[in-house]
Amino acid sequence: DCFTVDTAKGELTLQQFIDYFKENHKLDITMLSQGVCLLFSDFMSAVKREERLNLPMSEVVKRVSKKKIPAHVNALVLEICCDNQDGEDIEVPYVKYVLPKTKS
C-alpha cells in the first residue's frame, strides 16, 4: 500500500503537499524525506522551512539532493512521518508522488 499524489493538474508546492495530507487524510506531516534527503521537518530552522514551503516538490528535491531528477523518472518515492488528529505519531505507507508529464 501507498499514498499516491497525482499532479495531473500541476505540481504541488511543499505547502500544498502538506495541506493535501491535512485536508484529505487528517494527518500532520512532521517529517518528509526522499532517499537520504530530509526535505522537511517540524524541527528544521524556520528560515530553511520558509524557503522550501513555496517551492514545487520537484524543486525541493533538486535543491536538497543537489541533483537533477532524471528525465526517465515519472514519480518520486517519499517517506513521511505523521501525527494524527490526537497528536500521536502514527505509521503510514510511503508516498508515490507522480511528476507532471513534461512536454517534449
C-alpha atoms as a PDB file:
ATOM      1  CA  ASP A   1       0.000   0.000   0.000  1.00  0.00           C
ATOM      2  CA  CYS A   2       0.999   3.580  -0.583  1.00  0.00           C
ATOM      3  CA  PHE A   3      -0.459   7.049  -0.886  1.00  0.00           C
ATOM      4  CA  THR A   4      -0.477   8.283  -4.483  1.00  0.00           C
ATOM      5  CA  VAL A   5      -0.364  12.013  -5.142  1.00  0.00           C
ATOM      6  CA  ASP A   6      -1.176  12.764  -8.771  1.00  0.00           C
ATOM      7  CA  THR A   7      -0.042  16.058 -10.275  1.00  0.00           C
ATOM      8  CA  ALA A   8      -2.110  15.927 -13.475  1.00  0.00           C
ATOM      9  CA  LYS A   9      -3.457  19.413 -12.665  1.00  0.00           C
ATOM     10  CA  GLY A  10       0.022  20.768 -11.980  1.00  0.00           C
ATOM     11  CA  GLU A  11       2.771  20.260  -9.490  1.00  0.00           C
ATOM     12  CA  LEU A  12       2.197  20.913  -5.789  1.00  0.00           C
ATOM     13  CA  THR A  13       4.327  23.196  -3.677  1.00  0.00           C
ATOM     14  CA  LEU A  14       5.656  21.738  -0.442  1.00  0.00           C
ATOM     15  CA  GLN A  15       2.965  23.725   1.441  1.00  0.00           C
ATOM     16  CA  GLN A  16       0.207  22.332  -0.824  1.00  0.00           C
ATOM     17  CA  PHE A  17       1.582  18.810  -0.303  1.00  0.00           C
ATOM     18  CA  ILE A  18       1.443  19.264   3.492  1.00  0.00           C
ATOM     19  CA  ASP A  19      -2.063  20.764   3.238  1.00  0.00           C
ATOM     20  CA  TYR A  20      -3.203  17.886   0.996  1.00  0.00           C
ATOM     21  CA  PHE A  21      -2.431  15.348   3.732  1.00  0.00           C
ATOM     22  CA  LYS A  22      -4.008  17.512   6.415  1.00  0.00           C
ATOM     23  CA  GLU A  23      -7.235  18.038   4.445  1.00  0.00           C
ATOM     24  CA  ASN A  24      -7.617  14.637   2.765  1.00  0.00           C
ATOM     25  CA  HIS A  25      -6.132  12.255   5.327  1.00  0.00           C
ATOM     26  CA  LYS A  26      -6.314  14.253   8.603  1.00  0.00           C
ATOM     27  CA  LEU A  27      -2.538  13.880   9.006  1.00  0.00           C
ATOM     28  CA  ASP A  28       0.040  16.440  10.076  1.00  0.00           C
ATOM     29  CA  ILE A  29       3.349  15.790   8.328  1.00  0.00           C
ATOM     30  CA  THR A  30       6.167  16.152  10.862  1.00  0.00           C
ATOM     31  CA  MET A  31       8.950  14.901   8.593  1.00  0.00           C
ATOM     32  CA  LEU A  32       9.327  14.325   4.850  1.00  0.00           C
ATOM     33  CA  SER A  33      12.249  12.652   3.130  1.00  0.00           C
ATOM     34  CA  GLN A  34      13.251  11.312  -0.249  1.00  0.00           C
ATOM     35  CA  GLY A  35      16.010   8.727  -0.092  1.00  0.00           C
ATOM     36  CA  VAL A  36      18.615  10.065   2.337  1.00  0.00           C
ATOM     37  CA  CYS A  37      17.493  13.691   1.874  1.00  0.00           C
ATOM     38  CA  LEU A  38      15.452  15.391   4.582  1.00  0.00           C
ATOM     39  CA  LEU A  39      13.090  17.690   2.670  1.00  0.00           C
ATOM     40  CA  PHE A  40      11.009  18.987   5.583  1.00  0.00           C
ATOM     41  CA  SER A  41      10.708  18.573   9.322  1.00  0.00           C
ATOM     42  CA  ASP A  42       8.921  20.457  12.032  1.00  0.00           C
ATOM     43  CA  PHE A  43      12.256  20.866  13.845  1.00  0.00           C
ATOM     44  CA  MET A  44      14.241  22.397  10.950  1.00  0.00           C
ATOM     45  CA  SER A  45      15.118  26.081  11.103  1.00  0.00           C
ATOM     46  CA  ALA A  46      12.273  28.476  10.291  1.00  0.00           C
ATOM     47  CA  VAL A  47      14.397  30.093   7.570  1.00  0.00           C
ATOM     48  CA  LYS A  48      15.027  26.786   5.802  1.00  0.00           C
ATOM     49  CA  ARG A  49      11.385  25.728   6.192  1.00  0.00           C
ATOM     50  CA  GLU A  50      10.022  29.042   4.819  1.00  0.00           C
ATOM     51  CA  GLU A  51      12.492  28.881   1.932  1.00  0.00           C
ATOM     52  CA  ARG A  52      11.099  25.491   0.849  1.00  0.00           C
ATOM     53  CA  LEU A  53       7.355  25.772   1.518  1.00  0.00           C
ATOM     54  CA  ASN A  54       6.512  27.718  -1.665  1.00  0.00           C
ATOM     55  CA  LEU A  55       8.740  25.694  -3.981  1.00  0.00           C
ATOM     56  CA  PRO A  56       7.357  22.921  -6.210  1.00  0.00           C
ATOM     57  CA  MET A  57       8.084  19.475  -4.745  1.00  0.00           C
ATOM     58  CA  SER A  58      10.473  18.539  -7.580  1.00  0.00           C
ATOM     59  CA  GLU A  59      12.442  21.746  -6.967  1.00  0.00           C
ATOM     60  CA  VAL A  60      12.721  20.972  -3.236  1.00  0.00           C
ATOM     61  CA  VAL A  61      14.101  17.525  -4.127  1.00  0.00           C
ATOM     62  CA  LYS A  62      16.572  19.027  -6.647  1.00  0.00           C
ATOM     63  CA  ARG A  63      17.841  21.683  -4.215  1.00  0.00           C
ATOM     64  CA  VAL A  64      18.205  19.391  -1.213  1.00  0.00           C
ATOM     65  CA  SER A  65      19.740  16.451  -3.110  1.00  0.00           C
ATOM     66  CA  LYS A  66      21.819  18.800  -5.296  1.00  0.00           C
ATOM     67  CA  LYS A  67      20.916  16.543  -8.246  1.00  0.00           C
ATOM     68  CA  LYS A  68      18.576  16.865 -11.201  1.00  0.00           C
ATOM     69  CA  ILE A  69      15.698  14.419 -11.432  1.00  0.00           C
ATOM     70  CA  PRO A  70      16.473  12.198 -14.449  1.00  0.00           C
ATOM     71  CA  ALA A  71      14.110  12.622 -17.416  1.00  0.00           C
ATOM     72  CA  HIS A  72      13.001   8.966 -17.281  1.00  0.00           C
ATOM     73  CA  VAL A  73      11.764   9.300 -13.673  1.00  0.00           C
ATOM     74  CA  ASN A  74       7.985   9.790 -13.605  1.00  0.00           C
ATOM     75  CA  ALA A  75       7.392   9.536  -9.843  1.00  0.00           C
ATOM     76  CA  LEU A  76       9.208  10.209  -6.578  1.00  0.00           C
ATOM     77  CA  VAL A  77       9.048   7.873  -3.606  1.00  0.00           C
ATOM     78  CA  LEU A  78       8.665   9.958  -0.468  1.00  0.00           C
ATOM     79  CA  GLU A  79       8.672   8.860   3.158  1.00  0.00           C
ATOM     80  CA  ILE A  80       6.551  10.770   5.642  1.00  0.00           C
ATOM     81  CA  CYS A  81       6.237  10.792   9.413  1.00  0.00           C
ATOM     82  CA  CYS A  82       2.857  11.995  10.593  1.00  0.00           C
ATOM     83  CA  ASP A  83       0.771  12.783  13.627  1.00  0.00           C
ATOM     84  CA  ASN A  84      -2.940  12.026  13.674  1.00  0.00           C
ATOM     85  CA  GLN A  85      -5.574  14.489  14.911  1.00  0.00           C
ATOM     86  CA  ASP A  86      -4.804  13.471  18.507  1.00  0.00           C
ATOM     87  CA  GLY A  87      -1.137  14.433  18.059  1.00  0.00           C
ATOM     88  CA  GLU A  88       0.012  10.797  18.144  1.00  0.00           C
ATOM     89  CA  ASP A  89       2.817   9.650  15.852  1.00  0.00           C
ATOM     90  CA  ILE A  90       1.392   7.011  13.510  1.00  0.00           C
ATOM     91  CA  GLU A  91       2.871   4.666  10.909  1.00  0.00           C
ATOM     92  CA  VAL A  92       1.898   5.447   7.338  1.00  0.00           C
ATOM     93  CA  PRO A  93       2.874   3.937   3.977  1.00  0.00           C
ATOM     94  CA  TYR A  94       5.233   5.697   1.595  1.00  0.00           C
ATOM     95  CA  VAL A  95       4.010   8.311  -0.865  1.00  0.00           C
ATOM     96  CA  LYS A  96       4.217   7.916  -4.638  1.00  0.00           C
ATOM     97  CA  TYR A  97       4.389  11.493  -5.919  1.00  0.00           C
ATOM     98  CA  VAL A  98       3.621  11.346  -9.643  1.00  0.00           C
ATOM     99  CA  LEU A  99       5.552  14.031 -11.512  1.00  0.00           C
ATOM    100  CA  PRO A 100       3.755  16.080 -14.159  1.00  0.00           C
ATOM    101  CA  LYS A 101       4.354  14.932 -17.703  1.00  0.00           C
ATOM    102  CA  THR A 102       6.934  17.105 -19.405  1.00  0.00           C
ATOM    103  CA  LYS A 103       6.207  18.321 -22.910  1.00  0.00           C
ATOM    104  CA  SER A 104       8.795  17.068 -25.342  1.00  0.00           C
END
